[in-house]
């Protein structure tokens, strides 16, 4: 085998190793992205639930204040 052929084989092996590393990095980033999207969806749902609870609490407090004011005016 000639020196240039050996060099080409080594270059191809180096390229193959770099491609394998890139594929591994791609898969890791893809996996992390999937996890982040899932977490974001969970946080969006949680935010919606908290907003709904806050709105209901505000409505109930406003109703209590209205009843207390009415009781105050009636006494």
PDB file of N, CA and C in Angstrom:
ATOM      1  N   UNK A   1       0.849  -1.179   0.000  1.00  0.00           N
ATOM      2  CA  UNK A   1       0.000   0.000   0.000  1.00  0.00           C
ATOM      3  C   UNK A   1       0.891   1.238   0.000  1.00  0.00           C
ATOM      4  N   UNK A   2       0.520   2.181  -0.805  1.00  0.00           N
ATOM      5  CA  UNK A   2       1.311   3.405  -0.913  1.00  0.00           C
ATOM      6  C   UNK A   2       1.043   4.320   0.273  1.00  0.00           C
ATOM      7  N   UNK A   3       1.969   5.231   0.470  1.00  0.00           N
ATOM      8  CA  UNK A   3       1.855   6.197   1.565  1.00  0.00           C
ATOM      9  C   UNK A   3       0.611   7.073   1.395  1.00  0.00           C
ATOM     10  N   UNK A   4       0.307   7.470   0.177  1.00  0.00           N
ATOM     11  CA  UNK A   4      -0.869   8.317  -0.071  1.00  0.00           C
ATOM     12  C   UNK A   4      -2.156   7.552   0.211  1.00  0.00           C
ATOM     13  N   UNK A   5      -2.174   6.256  -0.100  1.00  0.00           N
ATOM     14  CA  UNK A   5      -3.357   5.453   0.197  1.00  0.00           C
ATOM     15  C   UNK A   5      -3.556   5.324   1.704  1.00  0.00           C
ATOM     16  N   UNK A   6      -2.487   5.120   2.405  1.00  0.00           N
ATOM     17  CA  UNK A   6      -2.550   5.040   3.868  1.00  0.00           C
ATOM     18  C   UNK A   6      -3.055   6.366   4.444  1.00  0.00           C
ATOM     19  N   UNK A   7      -2.553   7.450   3.904  1.00  0.00           N
ATOM     20  CA  UNK A   7      -2.983   8.776   4.346  1.00  0.00           C
ATOM     21  C   UNK A   7      -4.476   8.980   4.074  1.00  0.00           C
ATOM     22  N   UNK A   8      -4.946   8.542   2.902  1.00  0.00           N
ATOM     23  CA  UNK A   8      -6.367   8.673   2.568  1.00  0.00           C
ATOM     24  C   UNK A   8      -7.223   7.824   3.508  1.00  0.00           C
ATOM     25  N   UNK A   9      -6.756   6.638   3.815  1.00  0.00           N
ATOM     26  CA  UNK A   9      -7.505   5.764   4.734  1.00  0.00           C
ATOM     27  C   UNK A   9      -7.588   6.417   6.117  1.00  0.00           C
ATOM     28  N   UNK A  10      -6.490   6.984   6.564  1.00  0.00           N
ATOM     29  CA  UNK A  10      -6.490   7.669   7.861  1.00  0.00           C
ATOM     30  C   UNK A  10      -7.407   8.889   7.834  1.00  0.00           C
ATOM     31  N   UNK A  11      -7.393   9.615   6.725  1.00  0.00           N
ATOM     32  CA  UNK A  11      -8.285  10.771   6.585  1.00  0.00           C
ATOM     33  C   UNK A  11      -9.746  10.330   6.624  1.00  0.00           C
ATOM     34  N   UNK A  12     -10.053   9.235   5.939  1.00  0.00           N
ATOM     35  CA  UNK A  12     -11.425   8.723   5.935  1.00  0.00           C
ATOM     36  C   UNK A  12     -11.837   8.265   7.332  1.00  0.00           C
ATOM     37  N   UNK A  13     -10.918   7.611   8.038  1.00  0.00           N
ATOM     38  CA  UNK A  13     -11.208   7.173   9.401  1.00  0.00           C
ATOM     39  C   UNK A  13     -11.444   8.380  10.298  1.00  0.00           C
ATOM     40  N   UNK A  14     -10.648   9.409  10.145  1.00  0.00           N
ATOM     41  CA  UNK A  14     -10.816  10.642  10.916  1.00  0.00           C
ATOM     42  C   UNK A  14     -12.171  11.284  10.606  1.00  0.00           C
ATOM     43  N   UNK A  15     -12.522  11.324   9.342  1.00  0.00           N
ATOM     44  CA  UNK A  15     -13.813  11.879   8.928  1.00  0.00           C
ATOM     45  C   UNK A  15     -14.959  11.060   9.503  1.00  0.00           C
ATOM     46  N   UNK A  16     -14.818   9.753   9.459  1.00  0.00           N
ATOM     47  CA  UNK A  16     -15.848   8.866  10.008  1.00  0.00           C
ATOM     48  C   UNK A  16     -16.011   9.101  11.513  1.00  0.00           C
ATOM     49  N   UNK A  17     -14.889   9.243  12.220  1.00  0.00           N
ATOM     50  CA  UNK A  17     -14.953   9.516  13.662  1.00  0.00           C
ATOM     51  C   UNK A  17     -15.643  10.849  13.942  1.00  0.00           C
ATOM     52  N   UNK A  18     -15.332  11.855  13.145  1.00  0.00           N
ATOM     53  CA  UNK A  18     -15.955  13.173  13.332  1.00  0.00           C
ATOM     54  C   UNK A  18     -17.454  13.111  13.037  1.00  0.00           C
ATOM     55  N   UNK A  19     -17.823  12.361  12.001  1.00  0.00           N
ATOM     56  CA  UNK A  19     -19.248  12.205  11.691  1.00  0.00           C
ATOM     57  C   UNK A  19     -19.977  11.482  12.817  1.00  0.00           C
ATOM     58  N   UNK A  20     -19.349  10.442  13.360  1.00  0.00           N
ATOM     59  CA  UNK A  20     -19.955   9.729  14.489  1.00  0.00           C
ATOM     60  C   UNK A  20     -20.156  10.664  15.681  1.00  0.00           C
ATOM     61  N   UNK A  21     -19.161  11.507  15.926  1.00  0.00           N
ATOM     62  CA  UNK A  21     -19.272  12.466  17.021  1.00  0.00           C
ATOM     63  C   UNK A  21     -20.397  13.467  16.761  1.00  0.00           C
ATOM     64  N   UNK A  22     -20.494  13.948  15.531  1.00  0.00           N
ATOM     65  CA  UNK A  22     -21.577  14.880  15.185  1.00  0.00           C
ATOM     66  C   UNK A  22     -22.945  14.226  15.321  1.00  0.00           C
ATOM     67  N   UNK A  23     -23.038  12.980  14.909  1.00  0.00           N
ATOM     68  CA  UNK A  23     -24.308  12.254  15.042  1.00  0.00           C
ATOM     69  C   UNK A  23     -24.677  12.108  16.511  1.00  0.00           C
ATOM     70  N   UNK A  24     -23.703  11.776  17.349  1.00  0.00           N
ATOM     71  CA  UNK A  24     -23.953  11.662  18.786  1.00  0.00           C
ATOM     72  C   UNK A  24     -24.408  12.997  19.370  1.00  0.00           C
ATOM     73  N   UNK A  25     -23.736  14.079  18.969  1.00  0.00           N
ATOM     74  CA  UNK A  25     -24.120  15.405  19.450  1.00  0.00           C
ATOM     75  C   UNK A  25     -25.519  15.776  18.970  1.00  0.00           C
ATOM     76  N   UNK A  26     -25.819  15.462  17.711  1.00  0.00           N
ATOM     77  CA  UNK A  26     -27.147  15.742  17.159  1.00  0.00           C
ATOM     78  C   UNK A  26     -28.212  15.004  17.962  1.00  0.00           C
ATOM     79  N   UNK A  27     -27.963  13.724  18.223  1.00  0.00           N
ATOM     80  CA  UNK A  27     -28.941  12.930  18.973  1.00  0.00           C
ATOM     81  C   UNK A  27     -29.124  13.464  20.391  1.00  0.00           C
ATOM     82  N   UNK A  28     -28.036  13.905  21.015  1.00  0.00           N
ATOM     83  CA  UNK A  28     -28.125  14.468  22.365  1.00  0.00           C
ATOM     84  C   UNK A  28     -28.943  15.764  22.349  1.00  0.00           C
ATOM     85  N   UNK A  29     -28.689  16.624  21.377  1.00  0.00           N
ATOM     86  CA  UNK A  29     -29.420  17.893  21.275  1.00  0.00           C
ATOM     87  C   UNK A  29     -30.893  17.632  20.947  1.00  0.00           C
ATOM     88  N   UNK A  30     -31.129  16.679  20.072  1.00  0.00           N
ATOM     89  CA  UNK A  30     -32.515  16.332  19.714  1.00  0.00           C
ATOM     90  C   UNK A  30     -33.272  15.827  20.940  1.00  0.00           C
ATOM     91  N   UNK A  31     -32.625  14.984  21.722  1.00  0.00           N
ATOM     92  CA  UNK A  31     -33.235  14.460  22.935  1.00  0.00           C
ATOM     93  C   UNK A  31     -33.503  15.573  23.944  1.00  0.00           C
ATOM     94  N   UNK A  32     -32.526  16.445  24.117  1.00  0.00           N
ATOM     95  CA  UNK A  32     -32.696  17.572  25.033  1.00  0.00           C
ATOM     96  C   UNK A  32     -33.827  18.484  24.560  1.00  0.00           C
ATOM     97  N   UNK A  33     -33.911  18.708  23.258  1.00  0.00           N
ATOM     98  CA  UNK A  33     -34.964  19.549  22.700  1.00  0.00           C
ATOM     99  C   UNK A  33     -36.342  18.947  22.985  1.00  0.00           C
ATOM    100  N   UNK A  34     -36.456  17.642  22.824  1.00  0.00           N
ATOM    101  CA  UNK A  34     -37.727  16.962  23.102  1.00  0.00           C
ATOM    102  C   UNK A  34     -38.111  17.138  24.570  1.00  0.00           C
ATOM    103  N   UNK A  35     -37.131  16.959  25.456  1.00  0.00           N
ATOM    104  CA  UNK A  35     -37.394  17.137  26.886  1.00  0.00           C
ATOM    105  C   UNK A  35     -37.798  18.576  27.196  1.00  0.00           C
ATOM    106  N   UNK A  36     -37.114  19.536  26.581  1.00  0.00           N
ATOM    107  CA  UNK A  36     -37.435  20.950  26.826  1.00  0.00           C
ATOM    108  C   UNK A  36     -38.826  21.303  26.315  1.00  0.00           C
ATOM    109  N   UNK A  37     -39.197  20.777  25.160  1.00  0.00           N
ATOM    110  CA  UNK A  37     -40.543  21.030  24.638  1.00  0.00           C
ATOM    111  C   UNK A  37     -41.601  20.450  25.564  1.00  0.00           C
ATOM    112  N   UNK A  38     -41.345  19.254  26.053  1.00  0.00           N
ATOM    113  CA  UNK A  38     -42.277  18.622  26.980  1.00  0.00           C
ATOM    114  C   UNK A  38     -42.409  19.445  28.257  1.00  0.00           C
ATOM    115  N   UNK A  39     -41.287  19.902  28.776  1.00  0.00           N
ATOM    116  CA  UNK A  39     -41.302  20.717  29.994  1.00  0.00           C
ATOM    117  C   UNK A  39     -42.021  22.041  29.752  1.00  0.00           C
ATOM    118  N   UNK A  40     -41.801  22.628  28.584  1.00  0.00           N
ATOM    119  CA  UNK A  40     -42.468  23.888  28.259  1.00  0.00           C
ATOM    120  C   UNK A  40     -43.980  23.688  28.197  1.00  0.00           C
ATOM    121  N   UNK A  41     -44.414  22.605  27.582  1.00  0.00           N
ATOM    122  CA  UNK A  41     -45.856  22.326  27.513  1.00  0.00           C
ATOM    123  C   UNK A  41     -46.446  22.152  28.907  1.00  0.00           C
ATOM    124  N   UNK A  42     -45.714  21.454  29.776  1.00  0.00           N
ATOM    125  CA  UNK A  42     -46.176  21.270  31.154  1.00  0.00           C
ATOM    126  C   UNK A  42     -46.263  22.617  31.874  1.00  0.00           C
ATOM    127  N   UNK A  43     -45.272  23.473  31.667  1.00  0.00           N
ATOM    128  CA  UNK A  43     -45.287  24.792  32.305  1.00  0.00           C
ATOM    129  C   UNK A  43     -46.412  25.669  31.779  1.00  0.00           C
ATOM    130  N   UNK A  44     -46.694  25.574  30.497  1.00  0.00           N
ATOM    131  CA  UNK A  44     -47.808  26.346  29.925  1.00  0.00           C
ATOM    132  C   UNK A  44     -49.127  25.883  30.539  1.00  0.00           C
ATOM    133  N   UNK A  45     -49.307  24.558  30.666  1.00  0.00           N
ATOM    134  CA  UNK A  45     -50.532  24.037  31.294  1.00  0.00           C
ATOM    135  C   UNK A  45     -50.629  24.486  32.744  1.00  0.00           C
ATOM    136  N   UNK A  46     -49.504  24.429  33.454  1.00  0.00           N
ATOM    137  CA  UNK A  46     -49.493  24.857  34.852  1.00  0.00           C
ATOM    138  C   UNK A  46     -49.838  26.337  34.970  1.00  0.00           C
ATOM    139  N   UNK A  47     -49.294  27.152  34.069  1.00  0.00           N
ATOM    140  CA  UNK A  47     -49.592  28.584  34.084  1.00  0.00           C
ATOM    141  C   UNK A  47     -51.081  28.828  33.852  1.00  0.00           C
ATOM    142  N   UNK A  48     -51.661  28.096  32.899  1.00  0.00           N
ATOM    143  CA  UNK A  48     -53.089  28.250  32.625  1.00  0.00           C
ATOM    144  C   UNK A  48     -53.920  27.893  33.856  1.00  0.00           C
ATOM    145  N   UNK A  49     -53.529  26.807  34.531  1.00  0.00           N
ATOM    146  CA  UNK A  49     -54.252  26.403  35.738  1.00  0.00           C
ATOM    147  C   UNK A  49     -54.124  27.452  36.838  1.00  0.00           C
ATOM    148  N   UNK A  50     -52.920  28.002  37.000  1.00  0.00           N
ATOM    149  CA  UNK A  50     -52.717  29.029  38.025  1.00  0.00           C
ATOM    150  C   UNK A  50     -53.500  30.295  37.706  1.00  0.00           C
ATOM    151  N   UNK A  51     -53.531  30.666  36.435  1.00  0.00           N
ATOM    152  CA  UNK A  51     -54.320  31.845  36.048  1.00  0.00           C
ATOM    153  C   UNK A  51     -55.801  31.614  36.327  1.00  0.00           C
ATOM    154  N   UNK A  52     -56.268  30.419  36.033  1.00  0.00           N
ATOM    155  CA  UNK A  52     -57.675  30.101  36.281  1.00  0.00           C
ATOM    156  C   UNK A  52     -57.970  30.149  37.782  1.00  0.00           C
ATOM    157  N   UNK A  53     -57.089  29.563  38.597  1.00  0.00           N
ATOM    158  CA  UNK A  53     -57.283  29.593  40.051  1.00  0.00           C
ATOM    159  C   UNK A  53     -57.235  31.022  40.581  1.00  0.00           C
ATOM    160  N   UNK A  54     -56.322  31.825  40.052  1.00  0.00           N
ATOM    161  CA  UNK A  54     -56.208  33.225  40.478  1.00  0.00           C
ATOM    162  C   UNK A  54     -57.476  33.996  40.132  1.00  0.00           C
ATOM    163  N   UNK A  55     -57.983  33.758  38.931  1.00  0.00           N
ATOM    164  CA  UNK A  55     -59.217  34.438  38.507  1.00  0.00           C
ATOM    165  C   UNK A  55     -60.378  34.040  39.408  1.00  0.00           C
ATOM    166  N   UNK A  56     -60.511  32.745  39.674  1.00  0.00           N
ATOM    167  CA  UNK A  56     -61.593  32.289  40.552  1.00  0.00           C
ATOM    168  C   UNK A  56     -61.452  32.871  41.955  1.00  0.00           C
ATOM    169  N   UNK A  57     -60.233  32.912  42.464  1.00  0.00           N
ATOM    170  CA  UNK A  57     -60.004  33.475  43.797  1.00  0.00           C
ATOM    171  C   UNK A  57     -60.358  34.962  43.819  1.00  0.00           C
ATOM    172  N   UNK A  58     -59.959  35.687  42.764  1.00  0.00           N
ATOM    173  CA  UNK A  58     -60.279  37.118  42.691  1.00  0.00           C
ATOM    174  C   UNK A  58     -61.791  37.332  42.668  1.00  0.00           C
ATOM    175  N   UNK A  59     -62.505  36.530  41.893  1.00  0.00           N
ATOM    176  CA  UNK A  59     -63.971  36.644  41.805  1.00  0.00           C
ATOM    177  C   UNK A  59     -64.608  36.379  43.165  1.00  0.00           C
ATOM    178  N   UNK A  60     -64.108  35.342  43.856  1.00  0.00           N
ATOM    179  CA  UNK A  60     -64.666  35.012  45.177  1.00  0.00           C
ATOM    180  C   UNK A  60     -64.378  36.116  46.187  1.00  0.00           C
ATOM    181  N   UNK A  61     -63.175  36.669  46.157  1.00  0.00           N
ATOM    182  CA  UNK A  61     -62.834  37.746  47.092  1.00  0.00           C
ATOM    183  C   UNK A  61     -63.676  38.980  46.797  1.00  0.00           C
ATOM    184  N   UNK A  62     -63.841  39.307  45.525  1.00  0.00           N
ATOM    185  CA  UNK A  62     -64.678  40.457  45.157  1.00  0.00           C
ATOM    186  C   UNK A  62     -66.119  40.240  45.608  1.00  0.00           C
ATOM    187  N   UNK A  63     -66.622  39.029  45.486  1.00  0.00           N
ATOM    188  CA  UNK A  63     -67.985  38.725  45.928  1.00  0.00           C
ATOM    189  C   UNK A  63     -68.096  38.872  47.449  1.00  0.00           C
ATOM    190  N   UNK A  64     -67.088  38.404  48.172  1.00  0.00           N
ATOM    191  CA  UNK A  64     -67.106  38.544  49.633  1.00  0.00           C
ATOM    192  C   UNK A  64     -67.077  40.012  50.031  1.00  0.00           C
ATOM    193  N   UNK A  65     -66.255  40.807  49.356  1.00  0.00           N
ATOM    194  CA  UNK A  65     -66.181  42.239  49.657  1.00  0.00           C
ATOM    195  C   UNK A  65     -67.526  42.901  49.402  1.00  0.00           C
ATOM    196  N   UNK A  66     -68.152  42.531  48.294  1.00  0.00           N
ATOM    197  CA  UNK A  66     -69.465  43.089  47.968  1.00  0.00           C
ATOM    198  C   UNK A  66     -70.484  42.726  49.044  1.00  0.00           C
ATOM    199  N   UNK A  67     -70.472  41.460  49.495  1.00  0.00           N
ATOM    200  CA  UNK A  67     -71.408  41.037  50.552  1.00  0.00           C
ATOM    201  C   UNK A  67     -71.124  41.772  51.862  1.00  0.00           C
ATOM    202  N   UNK A  68     -69.828  41.942  52.197  1.00  0.00           N
ATOM    203  CA  UNK A  68     -69.485  42.651  53.423  1.00  0.00           C
ATOM    204  C   UNK A  68     -69.938  44.108  53.363  1.00  0.00           C
ATOM    205  N   UNK A  69     -69.760  44.732  52.204  1.00  0.00           N
ATOM    206  CA  UNK A  69     -70.214  46.132  52.060  1.00  0.00           C
ATOM    207  C   UNK A  69     -71.726  46.216  52.190  1.00  0.00           C
ATOM    208  N   UNK A  70     -72.419  45.225  51.606  1.00  0.00           N
ATOM    209  CA  UNK A  70     -73.885  45.214  51.692  1.00  0.00           C
ATOM    210  C   UNK A  70     -74.329  45.036  53.144  1.00  0.00           C
ATOM    211  N   UNK A  71     -73.632  44.137  53.870  1.00  0.00           N
ATOM    212  CA  UNK A  71     -73.970  43.932  55.285  1.00  0.00           C
ATOM    213  C   UNK A  71     -73.701  45.205  56.092  1.00  0.00           C
ATOM    214  N   UNK A  72     -72.626  45.897  55.744  1.00  0.00           N
ATOM    215  CA  UNK A  72     -72.261  47.123  56.450  1.00  0.00           C
ATOM    216  C   UNK A  72     -73.311  48.201  56.248  1.00  0.00           C
ATOM    217  N   UNK A  73     -73.835  48.299  55.026  1.00  0.00           N
ATOM    218  CA  UNK A  73     -74.845  49.316  54.718  1.00  0.00           C
ATOM    219  C   UNK A  73     -76.193  48.961  55.325  1.00  0.00           C
ATOM    220  N   UNK A  74     -76.473  47.688  55.516  1.00  0.00           N
ATOM    221  CA  UNK A  74     -77.753  47.252  56.078  1.00  0.00           C
ATOM    222  C   UNK A  74     -77.781  47.340  57.591  1.00  0.00           C
ATOM    223  N   UNK A  75     -76.642  47.476  58.218  1.00  0.00           N
ATOM    224  CA  UNK A  75     -76.666  47.510  59.693  1.00  0.00           C
ATOM    225  C   UNK A  75     -76.669  48.899  60.249  1.00  0.00           C
TER     226      UNK A  75
END
